[in-house]
Amino acid sequence: MRYKLILHYPGLNANTLMASFLSTIPNLTAYVAKQGIYPAAHGGFADIWMCTLSNEAYPSITQHVAVKVLRSLGSGFNDGEKHEKRLRRELAVWLKLKHPQVLPLYGIVSDFGPYPSMVCPWMDKGNLNNYLNGDGRSLTVEGRYKILSQVCAGLAYLHSHSVVHGDLTGCNVLINGDGDACLSDFGLSTIISDLQGVSTFTSSIGGNVRFAAPELYEVGDDDIRTFPTTHSDIYSLGSIILQTLTGVIPYHYMRTDGQVLIELSRGVHPRRPQDPIVTEARWGLLCACWERDPLRRPTLEAVAECLEGPERIFRAASPALAHIAGLHPDAMVNLSHGQKMETWRAHYEGRCQDVQVTVVNPRERRSSGGNAKYRTYRT
């Protein structure tokens, strides 16, 4: 993960600007108190403590917060200052992100571990994994789509600010007391990997292999480090969709991550569930997200539109989505052609309607009987 900060203030040098930027992170050490003697949860590289945050003006008013405490980031004797500076730089970026579906950063505390610890709102219903196995078991289809719509909205906001999540899993989708979803831990796995100096990103995503894109596990002969992209986020989003609709994680029938890695190396997708909620259209959307070639995966906008209503008029932002709306190419007749947009007459379920299709990758079109058609990719 790389962030580029472009600022221009005449008379100020870069070091002065960065020092000023980092100083804007609120230090809440004096206002945060632990609740209990053990962490409430453990992650791959951090422990989560349930704490209370008191109000400076009204000390009697408190709220529950989560404090994420990073474990040691490296063994170098003189690396502590460098690691903390890098971490604070990334936290300063997080502090500026404001969206209902992105977990906010309140500030930091300095007395929980060797590095600044992050203070965030406490999410009453835990993460998506816990929620779907608890209160969320009885969610309706509409309720599940509400969560997915919120995940897409949060991810779109991150991408619009040049932030790649990099570790989109059920553990990093948090659910508040109202049942709304928030994205957390975006970019942290990449930071940890970078600070630890590992040769690839795989060491930091470890147990999240069931959600991570296969290209993140590929290592070339030159051992170049592999980092997440917006395309790998789309792959993970497909896995989140599967989990949210069915309540089970991808490859749930495999006991070990090693078995999953073998399937990934072979290009084998998770099995299609027998659950009727996974219709042909919805399964086609998942397969499009799991395309082996990252550049062939749909855009986030296209995925969000399909989730809003796969049976309605749609924009196919990837050739792999040509059949998502139940419109088989053989039932689609071209009415007009433009450089940016084509209008099709589609027949399905005994009905006929015009469908506008955005031409994003015209090289993937092929001709048949004089009518241009989109190629479909089925697995």
Foldseek 3Di string as FASTA:
>chain_A
DDADDDDDDPPDDPVVVLVVLLVVFDAQQVFKDFDDDAFPDDDPFWTKTWIWGADPVGRVDIAIKIKTGGADLEDDPPCLVVLQSVVSSVVSVQQPDDDPQAWHWNGWYDPPYSHTITITHDAVQAFQLSCCVPVVVPPDPVLLLQQLLSVLVQCVSCVVNVFAQQADDRNQWTAHPVRHTHGDNRPVLVSSCVSHVDLESCVSNPVSLLQFALVSVDADPVSHYDGDDQLRVLLSSLQVSVCSQPVAGFPNVDDDVVVVNVCNVVLHGGDDDPPVSCPPLNVLLSVLSRPNDSVQRAHSVQSSQCSVPLLDAGEGRHLQNQCNNVFDQVQWFWDDDDPFKTWIWTDDPNDIDIHIYTCNDVVQWDDDPRGITRDHDDD
